[in-house]
Structures are given as structure tokens and as C-alpha cells.
N, C-alpha and C. Protein backbone atom coordinates (compact mmCIF):
# COMPACT_ATOMS: atom_id res chain seq x y z
N MET A 1 -27.47 13.59 1.85
CA MET A 1 -27.17 14.24 3.11
C MET A 1 -25.81 14.95 3.02
N ARG A 2 -25.72 16.10 3.55
CA ARG A 2 -24.50 16.89 3.53
C ARG A 2 -23.41 16.24 4.39
N ALA A 3 -22.17 16.38 3.97
CA ALA A 3 -21.04 15.78 4.69
C ALA A 3 -20.94 16.31 6.12
N MET A 4 -21.30 17.57 6.33
CA MET A 4 -21.17 18.14 7.67
C MET A 4 -22.16 17.54 8.67
N TYR A 5 -23.19 16.83 8.17
CA TYR A 5 -24.16 16.20 9.04
C TYR A 5 -24.05 14.67 9.06
N ASN A 6 -23.21 14.12 8.21
CA ASN A 6 -23.10 12.68 8.08
C ASN A 6 -21.75 12.22 8.66
N LEU A 7 -21.79 11.53 9.78
CA LEU A 7 -20.56 11.13 10.47
C LEU A 7 -19.71 10.17 9.63
N ASN A 8 -20.36 9.29 8.87
CA ASN A 8 -19.61 8.35 8.03
C ASN A 8 -18.84 9.10 6.93
N ARG A 9 -19.49 10.03 6.28
CA ARG A 9 -18.82 10.81 5.24
C ARG A 9 -17.73 11.69 5.83
N MET A 10 -17.97 12.23 7.00
CA MET A 10 -16.95 13.05 7.65
C MET A 10 -15.70 12.23 7.94
N LYS A 11 -15.87 11.00 8.36
CA LYS A 11 -14.75 10.11 8.66
C LYS A 11 -13.95 9.79 7.39
N VAL A 12 -14.65 9.51 6.29
CA VAL A 12 -13.99 9.21 5.01
C VAL A 12 -13.22 10.43 4.51
N ILE A 13 -13.81 11.61 4.63
CA ILE A 13 -13.13 12.84 4.22
C ILE A 13 -11.90 13.08 5.09
N GLU A 14 -12.01 12.80 6.38
CA GLU A 14 -10.87 12.96 7.29
C GLU A 14 -9.73 12.02 6.90
N GLU A 15 -10.05 10.76 6.59
CA GLU A 15 -9.03 9.78 6.20
C GLU A 15 -8.37 10.17 4.88
N ALA A 16 -9.15 10.64 3.92
CA ALA A 16 -8.59 11.08 2.64
C ALA A 16 -7.68 12.28 2.81
N THR A 17 -8.07 13.20 3.67
CA THR A 17 -7.25 14.37 3.95
C THR A 17 -5.93 13.96 4.60
N GLN A 18 -5.99 13.02 5.52
CA GLN A 18 -4.78 12.55 6.19
C GLN A 18 -3.83 11.86 5.20
N LYS A 19 -4.39 11.05 4.29
CA LYS A 19 -3.57 10.38 3.28
C LYS A 19 -2.89 11.41 2.36
N LEU A 20 -3.64 12.43 1.96
CA LEU A 20 -3.08 13.48 1.11
C LEU A 20 -1.96 14.23 1.83
N ALA A 21 -2.17 14.56 3.09
CA ALA A 21 -1.15 15.26 3.87
C ALA A 21 0.11 14.40 4.02
N ASN A 22 -0.07 13.10 4.25
CA ASN A 22 1.08 12.20 4.37
C ASN A 22 1.86 12.13 3.07
N LYS A 23 1.15 12.07 1.94
CA LYS A 23 1.83 11.99 0.65
C LYS A 23 2.60 13.28 0.36
N ILE A 24 2.01 14.41 0.66
CA ILE A 24 2.69 15.69 0.44
C ILE A 24 3.95 15.79 1.31
N ASN A 25 3.90 15.24 2.50
CA ASN A 25 5.04 15.30 3.42
C ASN A 25 6.10 14.24 3.16
N THR A 26 5.84 13.31 2.24
CA THR A 26 6.82 12.28 1.89
C THR A 26 7.59 12.75 0.67
N LYS A 27 8.91 12.90 0.84
CA LYS A 27 9.74 13.45 -0.23
C LYS A 27 10.58 12.36 -0.89
N CYS A 28 10.88 12.57 -2.15
CA CYS A 28 11.71 11.64 -2.92
C CYS A 28 13.12 11.60 -2.33
N PRO A 29 13.66 10.40 -2.11
CA PRO A 29 15.02 10.30 -1.56
C PRO A 29 16.09 10.87 -2.50
N ARG A 30 15.81 10.90 -3.79
CA ARG A 30 16.82 11.37 -4.75
C ARG A 30 16.76 12.89 -4.98
N CYS A 31 15.56 13.41 -5.30
CA CYS A 31 15.46 14.83 -5.68
C CYS A 31 14.74 15.70 -4.65
N ASN A 32 14.24 15.08 -3.58
CA ASN A 32 13.59 15.79 -2.47
C ASN A 32 12.26 16.46 -2.86
N THR A 33 11.63 16.00 -3.94
CA THR A 33 10.33 16.53 -4.36
C THR A 33 9.21 15.90 -3.53
N PRO A 34 8.27 16.70 -3.04
CA PRO A 34 7.15 16.14 -2.28
C PRO A 34 6.26 15.26 -3.17
N GLY A 35 5.59 14.30 -2.55
CA GLY A 35 4.63 13.46 -3.26
C GLY A 35 5.15 12.09 -3.63
N PHE A 36 6.27 11.66 -3.05
CA PHE A 36 6.81 10.33 -3.31
C PHE A 36 5.84 9.32 -2.71
N GLY A 37 5.17 8.54 -3.56
CA GLY A 37 4.13 7.66 -3.05
C GLY A 37 3.99 6.37 -3.83
N ILE A 38 3.06 5.55 -3.37
CA ILE A 38 2.81 4.24 -3.95
C ILE A 38 2.20 4.40 -5.34
N THR A 39 2.81 3.72 -6.32
CA THR A 39 2.28 3.73 -7.68
C THR A 39 1.91 2.33 -8.16
N ASP A 40 2.38 1.31 -7.42
CA ASP A 40 2.08 -0.07 -7.83
C ASP A 40 2.23 -0.98 -6.61
N ALA A 41 1.59 -2.13 -6.68
CA ALA A 41 1.70 -3.15 -5.64
C ALA A 41 1.97 -4.49 -6.31
N LYS A 42 2.92 -5.22 -5.76
CA LYS A 42 3.22 -6.56 -6.28
C LYS A 42 2.60 -7.60 -5.35
N LYS A 43 1.86 -8.50 -5.94
CA LYS A 43 1.28 -9.60 -5.18
C LYS A 43 2.25 -10.78 -5.19
N GLY A 44 2.05 -11.73 -4.29
CA GLY A 44 2.87 -12.92 -4.30
C GLY A 44 3.49 -13.28 -2.97
N LEU A 45 2.94 -12.78 -1.88
CA LEU A 45 3.42 -13.17 -0.55
C LEU A 45 3.30 -14.69 -0.42
N PRO A 46 4.38 -15.40 -0.07
CA PRO A 46 4.32 -16.86 -0.05
C PRO A 46 3.46 -17.42 1.08
N CYS A 47 2.81 -18.52 0.78
CA CYS A 47 2.00 -19.24 1.77
C CYS A 47 2.94 -19.90 2.78
N GLU A 48 2.57 -19.86 4.05
CA GLU A 48 3.43 -20.46 5.07
C GLU A 48 3.37 -21.98 5.08
N SER A 49 2.38 -22.55 4.39
CA SER A 49 2.24 -24.00 4.35
C SER A 49 2.90 -24.59 3.10
N CYS A 50 2.46 -24.14 1.92
CA CYS A 50 2.96 -24.73 0.67
C CYS A 50 4.04 -23.89 0.00
N HIS A 51 4.26 -22.67 0.48
CA HIS A 51 5.30 -21.75 -0.01
C HIS A 51 5.05 -21.23 -1.42
N LEU A 52 3.87 -21.46 -1.99
CA LEU A 52 3.52 -20.91 -3.29
C LEU A 52 3.04 -19.46 -3.12
N PRO A 53 3.16 -18.64 -4.17
CA PRO A 53 2.71 -17.24 -4.07
C PRO A 53 1.20 -17.15 -3.89
N THR A 54 0.77 -16.20 -3.07
CA THR A 54 -0.65 -15.93 -2.85
C THR A 54 -1.00 -14.60 -3.52
N ARG A 55 -2.26 -14.19 -3.38
CA ARG A 55 -2.69 -12.90 -3.92
C ARG A 55 -2.38 -11.74 -2.98
N SER A 56 -1.82 -12.03 -1.84
CA SER A 56 -1.52 -10.99 -0.85
C SER A 56 -0.33 -10.14 -1.30
N ILE A 57 -0.28 -8.90 -0.79
CA ILE A 57 0.73 -7.93 -1.20
C ILE A 57 2.11 -8.34 -0.67
N LEU A 58 3.06 -8.44 -1.60
CA LEU A 58 4.45 -8.75 -1.28
C LEU A 58 5.25 -7.45 -1.11
N SER A 59 4.97 -6.45 -1.97
CA SER A 59 5.71 -5.19 -1.89
C SER A 59 4.93 -4.06 -2.54
N TYR A 60 5.30 -2.83 -2.16
CA TYR A 60 4.78 -1.63 -2.78
C TYR A 60 5.91 -0.96 -3.55
N ILE A 61 5.58 -0.41 -4.70
CA ILE A 61 6.53 0.35 -5.50
C ILE A 61 6.20 1.83 -5.32
N TYR A 62 7.17 2.61 -4.86
CA TYR A 62 7.03 4.05 -4.72
C TYR A 62 7.75 4.70 -5.89
N THR A 63 7.17 5.75 -6.47
CA THR A 63 7.76 6.42 -7.62
C THR A 63 7.67 7.93 -7.44
N CYS A 64 8.74 8.61 -7.84
CA CYS A 64 8.76 10.07 -7.84
C CYS A 64 8.16 10.55 -9.16
N LEU A 65 7.27 11.51 -9.09
CA LEU A 65 6.63 12.04 -10.29
C LEU A 65 7.55 12.97 -11.07
N ARG A 66 8.59 13.45 -10.43
CA ARG A 66 9.49 14.39 -11.10
C ARG A 66 10.67 13.69 -11.77
N CYS A 67 11.42 12.87 -11.01
CA CYS A 67 12.64 12.26 -11.55
C CYS A 67 12.47 10.78 -11.90
N ASN A 68 11.28 10.22 -11.68
CA ASN A 68 10.95 8.81 -11.96
C ASN A 68 11.78 7.81 -11.15
N PHE A 69 12.32 8.24 -10.03
CA PHE A 69 13.04 7.34 -9.13
C PHE A 69 12.06 6.33 -8.56
N ASN A 70 12.41 5.04 -8.57
CA ASN A 70 11.56 3.97 -8.04
C ASN A 70 12.24 3.31 -6.85
N LYS A 71 11.44 2.93 -5.88
CA LYS A 71 11.96 2.15 -4.75
C LYS A 71 10.90 1.15 -4.35
N GLU A 72 11.34 -0.08 -4.13
CA GLU A 72 10.43 -1.16 -3.74
C GLU A 72 10.56 -1.39 -2.24
N TYR A 73 9.44 -1.37 -1.54
CA TYR A 73 9.39 -1.64 -0.11
C TYR A 73 8.74 -3.01 0.10
N MET A 74 9.54 -3.96 0.53
CA MET A 74 9.07 -5.33 0.74
C MET A 74 8.26 -5.44 2.04
N TYR A 75 7.32 -6.35 2.06
CA TYR A 75 6.51 -6.70 3.23
C TYR A 75 5.88 -5.47 3.90
N PRO A 76 5.10 -4.69 3.16
CA PRO A 76 4.54 -3.45 3.72
C PRO A 76 3.55 -3.66 4.85
N ASN A 77 2.96 -4.84 4.95
CA ASN A 77 1.99 -5.11 6.02
C ASN A 77 2.63 -5.82 7.20
N GLY A 78 3.96 -5.94 7.19
CA GLY A 78 4.68 -6.55 8.31
C GLY A 78 4.63 -8.06 8.32
N LYS A 79 4.15 -8.69 7.24
CA LYS A 79 4.08 -10.15 7.18
C LYS A 79 5.06 -10.66 6.13
N VAL A 80 5.79 -11.74 6.47
CA VAL A 80 6.72 -12.35 5.54
C VAL A 80 6.07 -13.55 4.87
N LYS A 81 5.11 -14.17 5.52
CA LYS A 81 4.36 -15.32 4.99
C LYS A 81 2.88 -15.06 5.20
N GLU A 82 2.07 -15.72 4.36
CA GLU A 82 0.62 -15.57 4.46
C GLU A 82 0.01 -16.86 5.00
N ALA A 83 -1.08 -16.73 5.72
CA ALA A 83 -1.78 -17.88 6.29
C ALA A 83 -2.38 -18.73 5.17
N PRO A 84 -2.40 -20.05 5.33
CA PRO A 84 -2.95 -20.93 4.29
C PRO A 84 -4.40 -20.64 3.92
N MET A 85 -5.15 -20.02 4.81
CA MET A 85 -6.55 -19.71 4.50
C MET A 85 -6.67 -18.70 3.34
N TYR A 86 -5.60 -17.98 3.02
CA TYR A 86 -5.61 -17.01 1.91
C TYR A 86 -4.90 -17.55 0.67
N CYS A 87 -4.51 -18.81 0.71
CA CYS A 87 -3.79 -19.44 -0.40
C CYS A 87 -4.78 -20.15 -1.32
N ASP A 88 -4.64 -19.93 -2.64
CA ASP A 88 -5.54 -20.57 -3.60
C ASP A 88 -5.26 -22.06 -3.74
N GLU A 89 -4.07 -22.51 -3.38
CA GLU A 89 -3.73 -23.93 -3.45
C GLU A 89 -4.20 -24.68 -2.19
N CYS A 90 -3.91 -24.09 -1.04
CA CYS A 90 -4.27 -24.75 0.24
C CYS A 90 -5.75 -24.61 0.56
N ASN A 91 -6.38 -23.55 0.09
CA ASN A 91 -7.77 -23.29 0.41
C ASN A 91 -8.50 -22.78 -0.84
N PRO A 92 -8.74 -23.68 -1.80
CA PRO A 92 -9.32 -23.24 -3.08
C PRO A 92 -10.74 -22.76 -3.00
């Protein structure tokens, strides 16, 4: 089915377009080049019960494609601890 007739595909295309526009509008803090974006994610958000690292995202690494400047943004999902239900120790 063509994208212009499929509402689900149209929504996915819209979201991809929005992500691309956001990345183009995000500039490197050092050299001001557009496209400063996420290149890696670090797992290890601590469990709120046992305090051991979980598989949840702890931080995102942003990298400039031109000058290779890196910046780590901690707690990108707004959480400092993860619920025990997502912990491999508390909920195997």
C-alpha cells in the first residue's frame, strides 16, 4: 500500500522527518556545525531497591561529526533510579 493512503506509514514518515529536522537544527557547542546528535547510549541506571545497575539508559553520548566533540547527557529520560521490576537482580 502506498504511504499516501496508509495512515500508519504516514505517521512513521512524519516522525522520521521531525527527528531529522531536530537533528539538523541541533548545533555543536564547540564548532556550531549542524547535526550534533546521539551516537551512543550508556546503560546502567541504578535500581531504586538494590542500587545495582539495570539495562535502562543512564546517559546519551552526543558527538559532532566535524570536530569529534563529545558530550554526555545524564538521565535523558528524566529518571535517576529505575523501578525494581526492570532490575535483573530484583526481578529475574
